[in-house]
Amino acid sequence: MPKGTYSSNINFKTWSAWPLKEANNLGRAYNYPHVAAAYWVLYRMARNHKGLTTHHNWDWYLEHAYNTITGMMEHAPYYTQFGLMEGSVFYFILKDLKAEGKKEMADKLEAIMKKRAIQWNKLEFPFGSEMPWDSTGQEEVYIWCLFFGYEDKATVTLNAILGYMPTLPSWAYNGNARRYWDFLYGGKTQRIERMIHHYGSELNAIPVLTEYRRKPNDLYLLRVGYGGVLGVLLILRKMVLLPAPFMRFRQV
């Protein structure tokens, strides 16, 4: 990173600000889905549009998305016992590997995910996360349990989500996936933020809306999933439109 990225004015002895050593650590599996998602999005852009990407062709991005996942399993296997936030992107990458005829990669990726799903299927409550109060592990567990036919575990996971993800006549709490704790830290700077909706709301909306598509007559699922997606968009919009004195609280 460029000189000065890690300011000496920041207290790196708290959990909210990682020092350079931790930032360069390859062992945290939760970092990998974001990178895989970035490659996957670039693959879709390169595959379906002209001129939006210029550095590489579409298969380069897709193969790097795949390599990110296999790299995670090699360098950061511990946390893969849990569902990873944004981990459902691995499923979409698998679908596209199959669609593009990359059979060897697709078979290996599916086998990797099957081992994880087998372990989850053995547990009474298969979802977990890096922190016990978190609610981001359910998303990926639901997707893979559903894909591999572990319907009962997918149902257990969905019911857990519906237990903490309400539908209420309030934009602030409608679809809010129990995201009431991460208030004071964003990056390295202490401030008041994420008081209501959080990325967990959108993550948990993924399995809820997936289930709705399987059961389109269940409008309750649509209401909850809609709340999770819209709530995050609304709070970002409100932060952007805050008057100048409150702009320091804006989350970008």
Protein backbone atom coordinates (compact mmCIF):
# COMPACT_ATOMS: atom_id res chain seq x y z
CA MET A 1 0.00 0.00 0.00
CA PRO A 2 1.18 3.60 -0.57
CA LYS A 3 3.16 5.25 2.20
CA GLY A 4 0.87 6.85 4.76
CA THR A 5 -1.99 4.39 4.26
CA TYR A 6 -1.58 3.29 7.87
CA SER A 7 -1.64 6.56 9.77
CA SER A 8 0.30 6.80 13.02
CA ASN A 9 -2.58 8.82 14.49
CA ILE A 10 -4.90 5.80 14.59
CA ASN A 11 -5.09 3.42 17.52
CA PHE A 12 -4.40 0.00 16.01
CA LYS A 13 -4.65 -1.79 19.35
CA THR A 14 -8.43 -2.14 19.17
CA TRP A 15 -10.43 -4.73 17.24
CA SER A 16 -11.89 -2.03 15.00
CA ALA A 17 -8.63 -1.14 13.25
CA TRP A 18 -6.37 -3.86 11.90
CA PRO A 19 -2.62 -3.23 11.74
CA LEU A 20 -0.72 -3.91 8.54
CA LYS A 21 0.24 -7.42 9.68
CA GLU A 22 -3.41 -8.41 10.04
CA ALA A 23 -4.42 -6.65 6.84
CA ASN A 24 -1.91 -8.79 4.94
CA ASN A 25 -3.00 -12.01 6.66
CA LEU A 26 -4.43 -14.53 4.17
CA GLY A 27 -6.18 -16.60 6.84
CA ARG A 28 -9.54 -14.84 7.13
CA ALA A 29 -11.98 -16.57 4.80
CA TYR A 30 -14.51 -13.75 5.13
CA ASN A 31 -12.33 -11.57 2.90
CA TYR A 32 -12.44 -13.90 -0.10
CA PRO A 33 -16.11 -13.72 -1.22
CA HIS A 34 -15.79 -9.98 -1.86
CA VAL A 35 -12.82 -10.51 -4.16
CA ALA A 36 -14.53 -13.41 -5.92
CA ALA A 37 -17.63 -11.24 -6.37
CA ALA A 38 -15.58 -8.44 -7.93
CA TYR A 39 -14.03 -10.83 -10.45
CA TRP A 40 -17.45 -12.38 -11.16
CA VAL A 41 -19.03 -8.98 -11.85
CA LEU A 42 -16.19 -8.09 -14.21
CA TYR A 43 -16.69 -11.43 -15.95
CA ARG A 44 -20.38 -10.67 -16.51
CA MET A 45 -19.55 -7.19 -17.78
CA ALA A 46 -16.91 -8.48 -20.17
CA ARG A 47 -19.09 -11.35 -21.35
CA ASN A 48 -22.25 -9.39 -22.01
CA HIS A 49 -21.11 -5.87 -22.95
CA LYS A 50 -18.55 -4.26 -25.22
CA GLY A 51 -16.11 -1.66 -23.96
CA LEU A 52 -16.85 -1.87 -20.24
CA THR A 53 -13.71 -3.87 -19.52
CA THR A 54 -10.48 -3.47 -21.47
CA HIS A 55 -7.67 -5.14 -19.52
CA HIS A 56 -8.73 -8.79 -19.87
CA ASN A 57 -11.24 -10.94 -21.67
CA TRP A 58 -14.20 -12.52 -19.91
CA ASP A 59 -12.71 -15.95 -19.16
CA TRP A 60 -9.74 -14.37 -17.35
CA TYR A 61 -12.12 -12.81 -14.84
CA LEU A 62 -14.19 -15.96 -14.42
CA GLU A 63 -11.10 -18.09 -13.87
CA HIS A 64 -9.79 -15.61 -11.30
CA ALA A 65 -13.10 -15.78 -9.47
CA TYR A 66 -12.69 -19.54 -9.36
CA ASN A 67 -9.04 -19.30 -8.27
CA THR A 68 -10.04 -16.96 -5.45
CA ILE A 69 -12.34 -19.64 -4.06
CA THR A 70 -9.77 -22.43 -4.32
CA GLY A 71 -7.19 -20.07 -2.82
CA MET A 72 -9.51 -19.50 0.11
CA MET A 73 -9.76 -23.22 0.74
CA GLU A 74 -5.97 -23.51 0.64
CA HIS A 75 -4.97 -20.46 2.66
CA ALA A 76 -8.00 -19.81 4.90
CA PRO A 77 -9.80 -23.11 5.53
CA TYR A 78 -10.77 -22.58 9.18
CA TYR A 79 -13.65 -20.16 8.74
CA THR A 80 -15.06 -22.07 5.78
CA GLN A 81 -16.74 -24.34 8.34
CA PHE A 82 -19.21 -21.46 8.69
CA GLY A 83 -21.38 -19.76 6.13
CA LEU A 84 -19.58 -16.74 4.72
CA MET A 85 -21.21 -13.39 4.17
CA GLU A 86 -21.77 -12.90 0.44
CA GLY A 87 -20.84 -16.57 -0.03
CA SER A 88 -23.83 -17.15 -2.27
CA VAL A 89 -21.70 -15.60 -5.03
CA PHE A 90 -19.80 -18.91 -5.09
CA TYR A 91 -23.02 -20.56 -6.29
CA PHE A 92 -23.37 -18.06 -9.14
CA ILE A 93 -19.74 -18.60 -10.11
CA LEU A 94 -20.37 -22.36 -10.20
CA LYS A 95 -23.40 -21.86 -12.45
CA ASP A 96 -21.38 -19.77 -14.90
CA LEU A 97 -18.46 -22.20 -14.94
CA LYS A 98 -20.93 -24.88 -15.98
CA ALA A 99 -22.56 -22.61 -18.55
CA GLU A 100 -19.18 -21.79 -20.08
CA GLY A 101 -18.21 -25.45 -20.35
CA LYS A 102 -15.38 -25.23 -17.81
CA LYS A 103 -16.17 -28.68 -16.49
CA GLU A 104 -12.96 -29.39 -14.59
CA MET A 105 -13.22 -26.18 -12.62
CA ALA A 106 -16.94 -26.61 -12.05
CA ASP A 107 -16.52 -30.17 -10.79
CA LYS A 108 -13.77 -29.19 -8.38
CA LEU A 109 -15.71 -26.20 -7.07
CA GLU A 110 -18.87 -28.26 -6.59
CA ALA A 111 -16.91 -30.94 -4.72
CA ILE A 112 -15.41 -28.29 -2.42
CA MET A 113 -18.82 -26.88 -1.60
CA LYS A 114 -20.35 -30.32 -1.17
CA LYS A 115 -17.89 -31.10 1.65
CA ARG A 116 -18.96 -27.95 3.44
CA ALA A 117 -22.64 -28.70 2.95
CA ILE A 118 -22.24 -32.28 4.22
CA GLN A 119 -20.81 -30.90 7.44
CA TRP A 120 -23.67 -28.41 7.79
CA ASN A 121 -26.19 -31.16 7.19
CA LYS A 122 -24.84 -33.02 10.23
CA LEU A 123 -25.53 -30.08 12.54
CA GLU A 124 -28.86 -29.38 14.19
CA PHE A 125 -28.38 -25.69 13.53
CA PRO A 126 -25.89 -25.52 10.66
CA PHE A 127 -25.34 -21.79 10.43
CA GLY A 128 -22.62 -19.96 12.27
CA SER A 129 -20.35 -17.00 11.82
CA GLU A 130 -17.15 -15.37 12.91
CA MET A 131 -18.95 -13.86 15.88
CA PRO A 132 -21.72 -15.59 17.87
CA TRP A 133 -24.13 -12.66 17.68
CA ASP A 134 -23.74 -12.28 13.94
CA SER A 135 -26.42 -13.10 11.37
CA THR A 136 -24.44 -13.26 8.14
CA GLY A 137 -23.68 -16.98 8.00
CA GLN A 138 -27.21 -18.08 7.19
CA GLU A 139 -27.20 -16.73 3.66
CA GLU A 140 -24.60 -19.10 2.19
CA VAL A 141 -25.68 -22.09 4.30
CA TYR A 142 -29.22 -21.81 2.94
CA ILE A 143 -28.07 -21.54 -0.68
CA TRP A 144 -25.80 -24.61 -0.60
CA CYS A 145 -28.13 -26.76 1.49
CA LEU A 146 -30.84 -26.04 -1.03
CA PHE A 147 -28.54 -26.76 -3.97
CA PHE A 148 -27.38 -30.11 -2.62
CA GLY A 149 -30.87 -31.23 -1.62
CA TYR A 150 -30.64 -30.81 2.15
CA GLU A 151 -34.10 -29.31 2.24
CA ASP A 152 -34.60 -29.75 5.99
CA LYS A 153 -31.42 -27.79 6.80
CA ALA A 154 -32.35 -25.11 4.31
CA THR A 155 -35.72 -24.84 6.06
CA VAL A 156 -34.11 -24.65 9.51
CA THR A 157 -31.86 -21.87 8.27
CA LEU A 158 -34.70 -19.96 6.65
CA ASN A 159 -36.82 -20.23 9.80
CA ALA A 160 -33.95 -18.81 11.84
CA ILE A 161 -33.77 -15.86 9.47
CA LEU A 162 -37.51 -15.26 9.72
CA GLY A 163 -37.18 -15.41 13.51
CA TYR A 164 -34.96 -12.32 13.63
CA MET A 165 -35.85 -10.57 10.37
CA PRO A 166 -39.23 -8.90 10.94
CA THR A 167 -41.71 -7.17 8.75
CA LEU A 168 -42.88 -4.04 10.54
CA PRO A 169 -44.60 -0.79 9.45
CA SER A 170 -41.34 1.14 9.74
CA TRP A 171 -38.70 1.70 7.08
CA ALA A 172 -36.10 1.56 9.83
CA TYR A 173 -36.94 -1.89 11.18
CA ASN A 174 -38.75 -3.52 8.27
CA GLY A 175 -36.51 -6.38 7.14
CA ASN A 176 -33.78 -5.41 9.59
CA ALA A 177 -31.84 -8.64 10.15
CA ARG A 178 -30.97 -8.09 13.80
CA ARG A 179 -28.33 -5.56 12.85
CA TYR A 180 -28.32 -3.47 16.03
CA TRP A 181 -24.76 -3.87 17.27
CA ASP A 182 -22.25 -2.49 14.76
CA PHE A 183 -22.75 1.16 15.61
CA LEU A 184 -19.49 2.87 16.41
CA TYR A 185 -16.94 1.76 13.87
CA GLY A 186 -16.57 2.06 10.13
CA GLY A 187 -13.09 1.38 8.90
CA LYS A 188 -10.63 2.97 11.32
CA THR A 189 -12.65 5.97 12.50
CA GLN A 190 -15.07 5.93 15.43
CA ARG A 191 -18.37 7.54 14.60
CA ILE A 192 -22.08 6.87 14.82
CA GLU A 193 -23.26 4.82 11.86
CA ARG A 194 -25.29 1.81 10.80
CA MET A 195 -27.75 2.43 13.62
CA ILE A 196 -30.54 0.65 11.81
CA HIS A 197 -30.04 -1.33 8.62
CA HIS A 198 -26.74 -3.00 7.91
CA TYR A 199 -25.33 -5.19 5.14
CA GLY A 200 -26.79 -8.15 7.06
CA SER A 201 -30.26 -7.03 6.02
CA GLU A 202 -29.46 -7.39 2.33
CA LEU A 203 -27.53 -10.63 2.85
CA ASN A 204 -30.45 -12.26 4.62
CA ALA A 205 -32.82 -10.99 1.95
CA ILE A 206 -31.06 -13.30 -0.54
CA PRO A 207 -32.37 -16.58 0.96
CA VAL A 208 -35.74 -15.04 1.83
CA LEU A 209 -36.33 -13.89 -1.75
CA THR A 210 -34.94 -17.14 -3.14
CA GLU A 211 -37.53 -19.00 -1.09
CA TYR A 212 -40.21 -16.59 -2.30
CA ARG A 213 -39.37 -17.43 -5.91
CA ARG A 214 -39.86 -21.09 -5.02
CA LYS A 215 -43.18 -20.25 -3.30
CA PRO A 216 -44.55 -17.19 -5.10
CA ASN A 217 -47.87 -17.35 -3.25
CA ASP A 218 -46.15 -16.67 0.07
CA LEU A 219 -46.29 -12.88 0.09
CA TYR A 220 -44.90 -12.73 3.62
CA LEU A 221 -41.54 -13.85 2.26
CA LEU A 222 -41.71 -11.10 -0.36
CA ARG A 223 -42.49 -8.47 2.28
CA VAL A 224 -39.58 -9.50 4.50
CA GLY A 225 -37.10 -9.78 1.62
CA TYR A 226 -38.26 -6.49 0.14
CA GLY A 227 -37.74 -4.81 3.50
CA GLY A 228 -34.21 -6.14 3.75
CA VAL A 229 -33.22 -4.88 0.33
CA LEU A 230 -35.03 -1.56 0.45
CA GLY A 231 -33.99 -0.70 4.01
CA VAL A 232 -30.31 -0.60 3.17
CA LEU A 233 -30.94 1.46 0.04
CA LEU A 234 -33.10 3.92 1.98
CA ILE A 235 -30.59 4.46 4.74
CA LEU A 236 -27.79 5.04 2.26
CA ARG A 237 -30.00 7.54 0.47
CA LYS A 238 -30.80 9.34 3.72
CA MET A 239 -27.11 9.51 4.65
CA VAL A 240 -26.20 11.00 1.29
CA LEU A 241 -28.92 13.64 1.64
CA LEU A 242 -28.07 14.65 5.22
CA PRO A 243 -27.42 18.37 5.76
CA ALA A 244 -23.79 19.47 6.00
CA PRO A 245 -23.43 19.38 9.84
CA PHE A 246 -24.29 15.67 9.82
CA MET A 247 -22.19 14.66 6.84
CA ARG A 248 -19.47 13.28 9.12
CA PHE A 249 -21.87 10.43 9.94
CA ARG A 250 -22.35 9.52 6.31
CA GLN A 251 -21.38 6.00 5.32
CA VAL A 252 -19.89 5.92 1.82
